[in-house]
């Protein structure tokens, strides 16, 4: 009897150990460390971009920069031909890890990558066919630039299968929480994306030459991701395809495809509409402030990228953990992004004057202010959106974006037609605010009750909107500075005492003291030496 009891107990312990074998993938320390890596991977290229964009605009001109901006949008949008498999692959691999089925990851990965390659080639063919229509008819591109623009779009078509495969390979590493590896590849490749045009400009100002050098960088990034996956993913060294997995992969990726279609259309469609209704110069006056303020998306991209596979693993092991991760993700992003966007909105004319000159300050100051509001809301939306997809409700997220797309473009058309690029920015800010409220409500419904304090979050959002509105009504820089300073002090105190729990305040205090003591010890050691 004792032997039997011992065996049962030992079996239970082994079962629990097996069940939680991958629980470390949602641990706070791992997620925090990976978020730091993601932030580094986002911020360092951003700094390079802020430095390189002005000389690029001066070298190639406003109209060519507008073409280059549209080209970046095209390659991002037509990567949707992966039919959501890249995002689905991250979730499915995370599901396997949560269920401790690592042995089945290899066939799943190779089957998915093969599908992505075929779909990427199809996307390239479609892009090749429609490029003449885009360049000669749909986009208002001057006759002098049409030839080089068409050549550039052809190069973009070639890069689509490369971009598609890279996204899938990166998703595999993210599912395994290998964000250190991901960012050791991402950082030099992203820096190359901004710095490479400056390498080309001494020899050619052609848009096609710039896009060509960017395409080479994408190919190098794809190869680097492949070698990294072969090194860290168990069983991937043996090529094995199971076409029986194609149906479930496509099923999971189905609604993610809707998101892949609607998301880029919603984010970047305004540029094509502005080009059609106004001019390419207007695209530049809208795109430059948009690209600048969109750098704050490095924060939700870093946090959301880490949390997406963690949501999937948590739902398989501990659903309440997924709710806790969502609540903290929203809270930390709000505490980081709100001060940045408020400062940008407060000093929008001055920032544009220093960065891009008086022309952009005159045309784009109000645009930058509206986009600052919208970007705060967009950053917050990234976490509840990732949560819905991670917990297996990508269908709900896709339906919301589909409806959003239809309504948004009607509003965008009307406001752009009557108010120009300022109206486009207003439409963008209104859309992101409404979208955030919808995704918060949906997460409140599908996650365990009580983990998402909607009341406190709503109060914080209303207060933020009130502060943004107030600062945009003030004209003198001294008044704006004083108001923004008071608002940031009040926000800091409110965040510390209302948003953070006691254990979080203790944690951040200990981290701060640790940093101070480490610095003092280092200085003392240097002095002694």
Protein backbone atom coordinates (compact mmCIF):
# COMPACT_ATOMS: atom_id res chain seq x y z
CA UNK A 1 0.00 0.00 0.00
CA UNK A 2 2.81 2.41 0.91
CA UNK A 3 4.67 1.56 -2.29
CA UNK A 4 1.54 2.14 -4.31
CA UNK A 5 0.87 5.46 -2.56
CA UNK A 6 4.45 6.50 -3.13
CA UNK A 7 4.15 5.63 -6.82
CA UNK A 8 0.89 7.57 -7.18
CA UNK A 9 2.41 10.58 -5.42
CA UNK A 10 5.54 10.39 -7.53
CA UNK A 11 3.41 10.15 -10.67
CA UNK A 12 1.43 13.20 -9.60
CA UNK A 13 4.62 15.17 -9.04
CA UNK A 14 5.94 14.15 -12.43
CA UNK A 15 2.63 15.08 -14.05
CA UNK A 16 2.67 18.51 -12.44
CA UNK A 17 6.29 18.96 -13.45
CA UNK A 18 5.47 18.04 -17.04
CA UNK A 19 2.40 20.23 -17.09
CA UNK A 20 4.37 23.27 -15.99
CA UNK A 21 7.57 22.47 -17.87
CA UNK A 22 7.22 25.65 -19.94
CA UNK A 23 5.75 27.88 -17.24
CA UNK A 24 8.97 29.91 -17.26
CA UNK A 25 7.88 31.30 -20.65
CA UNK A 26 5.42 33.59 -18.82
CA UNK A 27 7.61 34.49 -15.84
CA UNK A 28 7.88 38.17 -15.02
CA UNK A 29 11.66 38.30 -15.13
CA UNK A 30 11.85 36.67 -18.57
CA UNK A 31 9.12 38.90 -20.01
CA UNK A 32 10.76 42.02 -18.56
CA UNK A 33 14.18 41.08 -19.95
CA UNK A 34 12.71 40.33 -23.38
CA UNK A 35 10.80 43.62 -23.34
CA UNK A 36 14.08 45.46 -22.78
CA UNK A 37 15.60 43.64 -25.75
CA UNK A 38 12.57 44.54 -27.85
CA UNK A 39 12.80 48.18 -26.81
CA UNK A 40 16.45 48.26 -27.81
CA UNK A 41 15.51 46.69 -31.15
CA UNK A 42 12.91 49.39 -31.72
CA UNK A 43 14.59 52.49 -30.28
CA UNK A 44 18.09 52.22 -31.76
CA UNK A 45 16.86 52.11 -35.39
CA UNK A 46 14.40 54.89 -34.50
CA UNK A 47 17.26 57.16 -33.49
CA UNK A 48 19.02 56.41 -36.75
CA UNK A 49 15.79 57.18 -38.63
CA UNK A 50 15.36 60.56 -36.94
CA UNK A 51 18.90 61.46 -37.95
CA UNK A 52 18.79 60.17 -41.54
CA UNK A 53 15.30 61.22 -42.72
CA UNK A 54 16.06 64.98 -42.99
CA UNK A 55 19.17 64.53 -45.20
CA UNK A 56 17.27 61.97 -47.29
CA UNK A 57 14.45 64.48 -47.87
CA UNK A 58 16.95 67.23 -48.73
CA UNK A 59 18.82 64.95 -51.14
CA UNK A 60 15.93 63.40 -53.06
CA UNK A 61 13.28 66.10 -52.60
CA UNK A 62 9.83 66.13 -51.08
CA UNK A 63 8.12 64.38 -54.02
CA UNK A 64 10.63 61.51 -54.21
CA UNK A 65 10.38 61.06 -50.45
CA UNK A 66 6.60 60.82 -50.90
CA UNK A 67 7.13 58.04 -53.45
CA UNK A 68 9.53 56.27 -51.10
CA UNK A 69 6.95 56.51 -48.31
CA UNK A 70 4.32 54.93 -50.53
CA UNK A 71 6.78 52.20 -51.51
CA UNK A 72 7.37 51.33 -47.85
CA UNK A 73 3.61 51.07 -47.42
CA UNK A 74 3.25 48.79 -50.44
CA UNK A 75 5.81 46.24 -49.24
CA UNK A 76 4.24 46.22 -45.79
CA UNK A 77 0.72 45.86 -47.09
CA UNK A 78 1.30 43.17 -49.69
CA UNK A 79 3.05 40.96 -47.17
CA UNK A 80 -0.56 40.17 -46.17
CA UNK A 81 -0.37 37.38 -48.74
CA UNK A 82 0.92 35.09 -46.00
CA UNK A 83 -2.79 34.73 -45.07
CA UNK A 84 -2.01 35.31 -41.42
CA UNK A 85 0.23 32.25 -41.21
CA UNK A 86 3.14 34.18 -39.71
CA UNK A 87 1.08 35.40 -36.76
CA UNK A 88 -0.76 32.09 -36.51
CA UNK A 89 2.54 30.22 -36.44
CA UNK A 90 3.64 32.15 -33.37
CA UNK A 91 0.42 31.27 -31.58
CA UNK A 92 0.43 27.60 -32.65
CA UNK A 93 4.05 27.09 -31.58
CA UNK A 94 3.26 28.79 -28.25
CA UNK A 95 0.23 26.48 -27.89
CA UNK A 96 2.50 23.45 -28.43
CA UNK A 97 4.86 24.75 -25.78
CA UNK A 98 1.99 25.35 -23.37
CA UNK A 99 0.81 21.77 -23.92
CA UNK A 100 4.40 20.41 -23.76
CA UNK A 101 4.27 19.01 -27.31
CA UNK A 102 7.67 20.21 -28.52
CA UNK A 103 8.13 17.09 -30.64
CA UNK A 104 5.44 18.27 -33.08
CA UNK A 105 6.89 21.75 -33.65
CA UNK A 106 9.19 20.74 -36.54
CA UNK A 107 6.52 19.55 -39.03
CA UNK A 108 4.28 22.47 -38.05
CA UNK A 109 7.02 24.98 -38.80
CA UNK A 110 8.16 23.52 -42.14
CA UNK A 111 4.59 23.13 -43.39
CA UNK A 112 3.79 26.72 -42.46
CA UNK A 113 6.96 28.11 -44.03
CA UNK A 114 6.30 26.25 -47.27
CA UNK A 115 2.80 27.70 -47.40
CA UNK A 116 4.18 31.17 -46.72
CA UNK A 117 6.74 30.86 -49.51
CA UNK A 118 4.08 29.85 -52.05
CA UNK A 119 1.76 32.64 -50.94
CA UNK A 120 4.61 35.16 -50.97
CA UNK A 121 5.44 34.28 -54.58
CA UNK A 122 1.78 34.73 -55.46
CA UNK A 123 1.82 38.14 -53.76
CA UNK A 124 4.91 39.12 -55.73
CA UNK A 125 3.18 38.17 -58.99
CA UNK A 126 0.12 40.26 -58.13
CA UNK A 127 2.30 43.24 -57.22
CA UNK A 128 4.19 42.97 -60.52
CA UNK A 129 0.90 43.01 -62.42
CA UNK A 130 -0.67 45.98 -60.66
CA UNK A 131 2.46 48.15 -60.34
CA UNK A 132 1.96 49.89 -63.74
CA UNK A 133 -1.64 50.68 -62.77
CA UNK A 134 -0.53 52.13 -59.43
CA UNK A 135 2.26 54.23 -60.91
CA UNK A 136 0.62 55.51 -64.10
CA UNK A 137 -3.03 55.89 -63.05
CA UNK A 138 -3.93 55.61 -59.38
CA UNK A 139 -1.09 57.60 -57.78
CA UNK A 140 -0.40 61.21 -58.73
CA UNK A 141 3.24 60.69 -59.66
CA UNK A 142 4.83 63.20 -62.03
CA UNK A 143 5.90 62.04 -65.45
CA UNK A 144 9.58 62.57 -64.62
CA UNK A 145 9.44 60.11 -61.71
CA UNK A 146 7.22 57.41 -63.18
CA UNK A 147 10.00 55.31 -64.74
CA UNK A 148 12.18 55.02 -61.62
CA UNK A 149 9.08 54.57 -59.43
CA UNK A 150 7.91 51.64 -61.56
CA UNK A 151 11.36 50.04 -61.35
CA UNK A 152 11.27 50.48 -57.58
CA UNK A 153 7.86 48.84 -57.32
CA UNK A 154 9.14 45.86 -59.32
CA UNK A 155 11.96 45.47 -56.80
CA UNK A 156 9.39 45.65 -54.01
CA UNK A 157 7.53 42.77 -55.62
CA UNK A 158 10.69 40.64 -55.53
CA UNK A 159 11.12 41.36 -51.83
CA UNK A 160 7.61 40.23 -50.82
CA UNK A 161 8.42 36.47 -50.52
CA UNK A 162 11.55 37.41 -48.56
CA UNK A 163 9.60 39.63 -46.15
CA UNK A 164 6.90 36.97 -45.75
CA UNK A 165 9.37 34.20 -44.86
CA UNK A 166 11.26 36.47 -42.49
CA UNK A 167 8.06 37.25 -40.59
CA UNK A 168 7.36 33.55 -40.15
CA UNK A 169 10.89 32.75 -38.98
CA UNK A 170 10.84 35.65 -36.55
CA UNK A 171 7.49 34.47 -35.19
CA UNK A 172 8.98 31.07 -34.37
CA UNK A 173 11.75 32.66 -32.32
CA UNK A 174 9.25 34.90 -30.55
CA UNK A 175 7.08 31.92 -29.58
CA UNK A 176 10.13 30.48 -27.85
CA UNK A 177 10.76 33.86 -26.14
CA UNK A 178 14.10 34.15 -27.98
CA UNK A 179 13.85 37.92 -28.24
CA UNK A 180 17.54 38.41 -27.61
CA UNK A 181 18.33 36.54 -30.84
CA UNK A 182 15.54 38.33 -32.70
CA UNK A 183 16.85 41.76 -31.78
CA UNK A 184 20.50 40.94 -32.37
CA UNK A 185 19.36 40.44 -35.98
CA UNK A 186 16.77 43.21 -36.06
CA UNK A 187 18.97 46.05 -34.82
CA UNK A 188 21.65 46.02 -37.57
CA UNK A 189 19.08 45.23 -40.26
CA UNK A 190 16.77 48.07 -39.16
CA UNK A 191 19.67 50.48 -38.98
CA UNK A 192 20.55 49.41 -42.52
CA UNK A 193 17.01 50.24 -43.68
CA UNK A 194 17.51 53.88 -42.68
CA UNK A 195 21.22 54.27 -43.34
CA UNK A 196 21.37 52.43 -46.69
CA UNK A 197 19.70 55.23 -48.69
CA UNK A 198 22.48 57.58 -47.58
CA UNK A 199 25.00 55.09 -48.97
CA UNK A 200 23.26 55.20 -52.36
CA UNK A 201 22.67 58.96 -52.59
CA UNK A 202 26.25 59.94 -53.56
CA UNK A 203 25.85 57.75 -56.66
CA UNK A 204 22.16 58.03 -57.51
CA UNK A 205 19.01 59.83 -56.40
CA UNK A 206 16.77 57.29 -58.06
CA UNK A 207 14.02 55.78 -55.91
CA UNK A 208 14.73 52.43 -57.59
CA UNK A 209 18.35 52.46 -56.40
CA UNK A 210 17.26 53.18 -52.83
CA UNK A 211 14.67 50.38 -52.87
CA UNK A 212 17.22 48.00 -54.41
CA UNK A 213 19.68 48.42 -51.55
CA UNK A 214 16.85 47.94 -49.05
CA UNK A 215 15.87 44.69 -50.77
CA UNK A 216 19.40 43.32 -50.32
CA UNK A 217 19.13 44.07 -46.60
CA UNK A 218 15.84 42.16 -46.35
CA UNK A 219 17.44 39.10 -47.97
CA UNK A 220 20.31 39.13 -45.48
CA UNK A 221 17.82 39.41 -42.60
CA UNK A 222 15.85 36.41 -43.88
CA UNK A 223 18.96 34.20 -44.05
CA UNK A 224 20.03 35.27 -40.56
CA UNK A 225 16.60 34.35 -39.11
CA UNK A 226 16.72 30.95 -40.81
CA UNK A 227 20.11 30.09 -39.28
CA UNK A 228 18.89 31.24 -35.86
CA UNK A 229 15.79 29.01 -36.07
CA UNK A 230 17.83 25.98 -37.12
CA UNK A 231 20.07 26.57 -34.13
CA UNK A 232 17.48 26.96 -31.35
CA UNK A 233 14.30 25.17 -32.44
CA UNK A 234 14.23 21.48 -31.46
CA UNK A 235 13.69 19.09 -34.37
CA UNK A 236 13.85 21.77 -37.05
CA UNK A 237 17.09 20.48 -38.52
CA UNK A 238 15.10 17.60 -40.02
CA UNK A 239 12.92 18.79 -42.90
CA UNK A 240 9.43 17.32 -42.48
CA UNK A 241 6.21 18.52 -44.10
CA UNK A 242 2.76 17.34 -43.04
CA UNK A 243 0.13 18.69 -45.42
CA UNK A 244 -2.52 17.57 -42.95
CA UNK A 245 -1.45 20.52 -40.81
CA UNK A 246 -2.14 23.00 -43.61
CA UNK A 247 -5.89 23.18 -42.90
CA UNK A 248 -5.62 23.97 -39.16
CA UNK A 249 -2.81 26.46 -39.86
CA UNK A 250 -4.92 28.25 -42.46
CA UNK A 251 -7.96 28.09 -40.19
CA UNK A 252 -6.15 29.79 -37.33
CA UNK A 253 -4.65 32.30 -39.75
CA UNK A 254 -7.98 33.03 -41.44
CA UNK A 255 -9.18 35.83 -39.20
CA UNK A 256 -5.59 36.95 -38.70
CA UNK A 257 -5.57 37.46 -42.46
CA UNK A 258 -8.51 39.82 -42.08
CA UNK A 259 -6.47 41.72 -39.51
CA UNK A 260 -3.45 41.69 -41.84
CA UNK A 261 -5.59 43.15 -44.62
CA UNK A 262 -7.54 45.69 -42.58
CA UNK A 263 -4.72 46.75 -40.25
CA UNK A 264 -2.27 48.13 -42.85
CA UNK A 265 -5.17 49.55 -44.89
CA UNK A 266 -6.42 51.45 -41.85
CA UNK A 267 -2.94 52.60 -40.80
CA UNK A 268 -1.55 53.57 -44.22
CA UNK A 269 -4.60 54.01 -46.45
CA UNK A 270 -4.83 57.68 -45.55
CA UNK A 271 -1.60 58.33 -47.47
CA UNK A 272 -3.02 56.95 -50.70
CA UNK A 273 -6.24 58.90 -50.19
CA UNK A 274 -4.28 62.11 -49.55
CA UNK A 275 -2.25 61.44 -52.71
CA UNK A 276 -5.45 61.01 -54.71
CA UNK A 277 -7.39 63.93 -53.24
CA UNK A 278 -4.55 66.39 -52.67
CA UNK A 279 -0.93 65.89 -53.84
CA UNK A 280 2.31 64.04 -53.20
CA UNK A 281 3.62 67.08 -51.36
CA UNK A 282 0.67 66.79 -49.00
CA UNK A 283 1.63 63.14 -48.48
CA UNK A 284 5.07 64.25 -47.34
CA UNK A 285 3.65 66.91 -45.02
CA UNK A 286 1.44 64.22 -43.48
CA UNK A 287 3.90 61.32 -43.54
CA UNK A 288 6.86 63.08 -41.91
CA UNK A 289 5.04 63.95 -38.64
CA UNK A 290 3.29 60.58 -38.71
CA UNK A 291 6.58 58.72 -39.02
CA UNK A 292 8.11 60.81 -36.25
CA UNK A 293 5.33 60.31 -33.67
CA UNK A 294 4.88 56.68 -34.69
CA UNK A 295 8.28 55.98 -33.15
CA UNK A 296 6.51 55.73 -29.79
CA UNK A 297 4.97 52.50 -31.07
CA UNK A 298 8.34 51.00 -30.19
CA UNK A 299 6.94 50.66 -26.66
CA UNK A 300 3.77 48.66 -27.44
CA UNK A 301 5.63 46.73 -30.14
CA UNK A 302 8.21 45.70 -27.56
CA UNK A 303 5.65 44.83 -24.89
CA UNK A 304 3.02 43.34 -27.20
CA UNK A 305 5.54 41.22 -29.08
CA UNK A 306 6.62 39.61 -25.82
CA UNK A 307 3.10 39.25 -24.41
CA UNK A 308 1.44 37.71 -27.50
CA UNK A 309 3.03 34.23 -27.13
CA UNK A 310 2.77 34.61 -23.33
CA UNK A 311 -1.00 35.08 -23.67
CA UNK A 312 -1.23 31.80 -25.61
CA UNK A 313 0.88 29.85 -23.11
CA UNK A 314 -1.01 31.38 -20.15
CA UNK A 315 -4.43 30.44 -21.53
CA UNK A 316 -3.27 26.83 -21.78
CA UNK A 317 -1.87 26.78 -18.24
CA UNK A 318 -3.35 29.60 -16.11
CA UNK A 319 -6.06 31.85 -17.70
CA UNK A 320 -5.99 34.40 -14.87
CA UNK A 321 -2.32 34.95 -15.63
CA UNK A 322 -3.32 36.16 -19.12
CA UNK A 323 -5.64 38.74 -17.57
CA UNK A 324 -2.92 39.97 -15.23
CA UNK A 325 -0.46 40.33 -18.12
CA UNK A 326 -3.04 42.35 -20.08
CA UNK A 327 -3.75 44.72 -17.20
CA UNK A 328 -0.09 45.38 -16.51
CA UNK A 329 0.77 45.76 -20.19
CA UNK A 330 -1.84 48.50 -20.66
CA UNK A 331 -0.82 50.23 -17.46
CA UNK A 332 2.90 50.35 -18.19
CA UNK A 333 2.41 51.50 -21.78
CA UNK A 334 0.12 54.32 -20.64
CA UNK A 335 2.65 55.44 -18.04
CA UNK A 336 5.46 55.53 -20.63
CA UNK A 337 3.72 56.82 -23.77
CA UNK A 338 1.44 59.54 -22.34
CA UNK A 339 4.29 61.86 -21.21
CA UNK A 340 6.04 61.49 -24.59
CA UNK A 341 2.95 62.21 -26.69
CA UNK A 342 1.97 65.13 -24.44
CA UNK A 343 5.38 66.75 -24.87
CA UNK A 344 5.18 66.29 -28.66
CA UNK A 345 1.68 67.78 -28.81
CA UNK A 346 2.75 70.71 -26.61
CA UNK A 347 5.77 71.66 -28.68
CA UNK A 348 4.70 70.41 -32.13
CA UNK A 349 5.48 73.65 -34.04
CA UNK A 350 8.88 74.04 -32.42
CA UNK A 351 9.84 70.38 -32.95
CA UNK A 352 8.98 70.49 -36.65
CA UNK A 353 10.76 73.83 -37.07
CA UNK A 354 14.00 72.44 -35.68
CA UNK A 355 13.73 69.03 -37.34
CA UNK A 356 12.41 69.75 -40.84
CA UNK A 357 12.17 73.53 -41.23
CA UNK A 358 9.53 76.24 -41.38
CA UNK A 359 7.58 74.65 -44.25
CA UNK A 360 6.77 71.53 -42.26
CA UNK A 361 6.15 73.58 -39.11
CA UNK A 362 3.54 75.63 -40.96
CA UNK A 363 1.77 72.75 -42.72
CA UNK A 364 2.15 69.90 -40.23
CA UNK A 365 1.93 71.31 -36.67
CA UNK A 366 -1.80 70.66 -36.23
CA UNK A 367 -1.39 67.28 -37.93
CA UNK A 368 1.30 66.28 -35.43
CA UNK A 369 -0.92 67.28 -32.50
CA UNK A 370 -3.88 65.22 -33.67
CA UNK A 371 -1.61 62.30 -34.46
CA UNK A 372 -0.09 62.50 -30.97
CA UNK A 373 -3.52 61.90 -29.45
CA UNK A 374 -4.23 59.09 -31.88
CA UNK A 375 -0.85 57.48 -31.35
CA UNK A 376 -1.37 57.27 -27.59
CA UNK A 377 -4.66 55.46 -28.16
CA UNK A 378 -3.11 53.24 -30.83
CA UNK A 379 -0.28 52.23 -28.50
CA UNK A 380 -2.75 51.24 -25.80
CA UNK A 381 -4.89 49.31 -28.30
CA UNK A 382 -1.96 47.06 -29.26
CA UNK A 383 -2.12 45.10 -26.00
CA UNK A 384 -5.85 44.17 -25.89
CA UNK A 385 -5.63 43.38 -29.61
CA UNK A 386 -2.71 40.99 -29.01
CA UNK A 387 -4.57 39.51 -26.07
CA UNK A 388 -7.61 38.62 -28.16
CA UNK A 389 -5.45 36.91 -30.77
CA UNK A 390 -3.31 35.18 -28.16
CA UNK A 391 -6.28 33.69 -26.28
CA UNK A 392 -7.73 32.32 -29.52
CA UNK A 393 -10.32 35.01 -30.38
CA UNK A 394 -8.70 36.33 -33.53
CA UNK A 395 -12.13 36.11 -35.16
CA UNK A 396 -13.45 38.85 -32.88
CA UNK A 397 -10.44 41.07 -33.51
CA UNK A 398 -10.77 40.58 -37.28
CA UNK A 399 -14.48 41.46 -37.30
CA UNK A 400 -13.84 44.66 -35.37
CA UNK A 401 -11.13 45.75 -37.81
CA UNK A 402 -13.31 44.88 -40.80
CA UNK A 403 -16.15 47.09 -39.58
CA UNK A 404 -13.64 49.73 -38.54
CA UNK A 405 -12.16 49.80 -42.05
CA UNK A 406 -15.51 50.45 -43.72
CA UNK A 407 -16.58 53.22 -41.35
CA UNK A 408 -13.15 54.83 -41.10
CA UNK A 409 -12.64 55.39 -44.82
CA UNK A 410 -15.98 57.14 -45.17
CA UNK A 411 -15.09 59.51 -42.34
CA UNK A 412 -11.52 59.87 -43.63
CA UNK A 413 -12.70 60.80 -47.14
CA UNK A 414 -15.09 63.47 -45.87
CA UNK A 415 -12.68 65.06 -43.39
CA UNK A 416 -9.73 65.01 -45.83
CA UNK A 417 -11.81 66.52 -48.60
CA UNK A 418 -12.99 69.43 -46.47
CA UNK A 419 -10.12 69.94 -44.01
CA UNK A 420 -7.07 68.61 -45.87
CA UNK A 421 -4.34 66.71 -44.05
CA UNK A 422 -5.56 68.13 -40.74
CA UNK A 423 -8.88 66.39 -41.33
CA UNK A 424 -7.08 63.12 -42.09
CA UNK A 425 -5.26 63.39 -38.76
CA UNK A 426 -8.53 64.08 -36.93
CA UNK A 427 -10.12 60.98 -38.49
CA UNK A 428 -7.12 58.90 -37.45
CA UNK A 429 -7.25 60.10 -33.84
CA UNK A 430 -11.00 59.47 -33.57
CA UNK A 431 -10.67 55.98 -34.97
CA UNK A 432 -7.92 54.89 -32.60
CA UNK A 433 -9.84 56.18 -29.57
CA UNK A 434 -13.01 54.28 -30.47
CA UNK A 435 -11.04 51.17 -31.36
CA UNK A 436 -9.33 51.15 -27.96
CA UNK A 437 -12.63 51.31 -26.08
CA UNK A 438 -14.06 48.44 -28.13
CA UNK A 439 -11.05 46.15 -27.58
CA UNK A 440 -11.01 46.90 -23.86
CA UNK A 441 -14.68 45.96 -23.58
CA UNK A 442 -14.13 42.72 -25.51
CA UNK A 443 -11.24 41.67 -23.29
CA UNK A 444 -13.33 42.47 -20.24
CA UNK A 445 -15.89 39.98 -21.56
CA UNK A 446 -13.64 37.09 -22.57
CA UNK A 447 -11.03 37.13 -19.79
CA UNK A 448 -11.60 36.14 -16.15
CA UNK A 449 -13.66 38.73 -14.31
CA UNK A 450 -12.04 41.40 -12.21
CA UNK A 451 -8.61 41.40 -13.83
CA UNK A 452 -9.16 44.48 -16.02
CA UNK A 453 -10.28 47.60 -14.09
CA UNK A 454 -12.23 49.31 -16.89
CA UNK A 455 -13.49 52.12 -14.67
CA UNK A 456 -10.03 53.33 -13.68
CA UNK A 457 -8.76 52.92 -17.25
CA UNK A 458 -11.66 54.97 -18.66
CA UNK A 459 -11.05 57.76 -16.14
CA UNK A 460 -7.39 57.85 -17.13
CA UNK A 461 -8.27 58.09 -20.84
CA UNK A 462 -10.79 60.89 -20.32
CA UNK A 463 -8.23 62.81 -18.26
CA UNK A 464 -5.58 62.34 -20.95
CA UNK A 465 -7.92 63.64 -23.69
CA UNK A 466 -8.77 66.66 -21.54
CA UNK A 467 -5.10 67.51 -21.08
CA UNK A 468 -4.39 67.16 -24.82
CA UNK A 469 -7.31 69.43 -25.72
CA UNK A 470 -6.27 72.06 -23.20
CA UNK A 471 -2.66 72.27 -24.33
CA UNK A 472 -3.63 72.66 -28.00
CA UNK A 473 -5.73 75.72 -27.14
CA UNK A 474 -2.72 77.56 -25.65
CA UNK A 475 -0.55 79.71 -27.91
CA UNK A 476 2.38 81.11 -25.95
CA UNK A 477 5.26 78.70 -25.49
CA UNK A 478 5.73 79.79 -21.86
CA UNK A 479 2.09 79.03 -21.01
CA UNK A 480 2.23 75.69 -22.81
CA UNK A 481 5.44 74.76 -21.01
CA UNK A 482 4.02 75.58 -17.57
CA UNK A 483 0.78 73.69 -18.24
CA UNK A 484 2.58 70.61 -19.57
CA UNK A 485 4.93 70.59 -16.58
CA UNK A 486 2.03 70.73 -14.10
CA UNK A 487 0.17 68.02 -16.02
CA UNK A 488 3.21 65.72 -15.99
CA UNK A 489 3.76 66.20 -12.26
CA UNK A 490 0.10 65.40 -11.55
CA UNK A 491 0.29 62.39 -13.86
CA UNK A 492 3.42 61.08 -12.15
CA UNK A 493 1.85 61.31 -8.70
CA UNK A 494 -1.40 59.75 -9.92
CA UNK A 495 0.44 56.90 -11.62
CA UNK A 496 2.51 56.16 -8.52
CA UNK A 497 -0.36 56.16 -6.02
CA UNK A 498 -3.35 55.08 -8.16
CA UNK A 499 -2.09 52.92 -11.04
CA UNK A 500 0.70 51.00 -9.31
CA UNK A 501 -0.03 48.47 -6.60
CA UNK A 502 2.01 48.46 -3.40
CA UNK A 503 4.17 45.52 -4.48
CA UNK A 504 4.90 47.26 -7.78
CA UNK A 505 5.95 50.45 -6.00
CA UNK A 506 8.21 48.40 -3.74
CA UNK A 507 9.72 46.63 -6.76
CA UNK A 508 10.48 49.85 -8.66
CA UNK A 509 11.88 51.46 -5.51
CA UNK A 510 14.21 48.52 -4.97
CA UNK A 511 15.31 48.63 -8.61
CA UNK A 512 16.03 52.35 -8.33
CA UNK A 513 18.03 51.94 -5.12
CA UNK A 514 19.94 49.06 -6.65
CA UNK A 515 20.91 51.23 -9.62
CA UNK A 516 22.02 54.09 -7.36
CA UNK A 517 24.09 51.81 -5.11
CA UNK A 518 25.68 50.09 -8.11
CA UNK A 519 26.65 53.49 -9.54
CA UNK A 520 28.13 54.61 -6.21
CA UNK A 521 30.12 51.39 -5.86
CA UNK A 522 31.46 51.77 -9.40
CA UNK A 523 32.54 55.35 -8.76
CA UNK A 524 34.18 54.39 -5.48
CA UNK A 525 36.09 51.60 -7.18
CA UNK A 526 37.24 53.98 -9.92
CA UNK A 527 38.36 56.55 -7.34
CA UNK A 528 40.39 53.98 -5.40
CA UNK A 529 42.10 52.81 -8.56
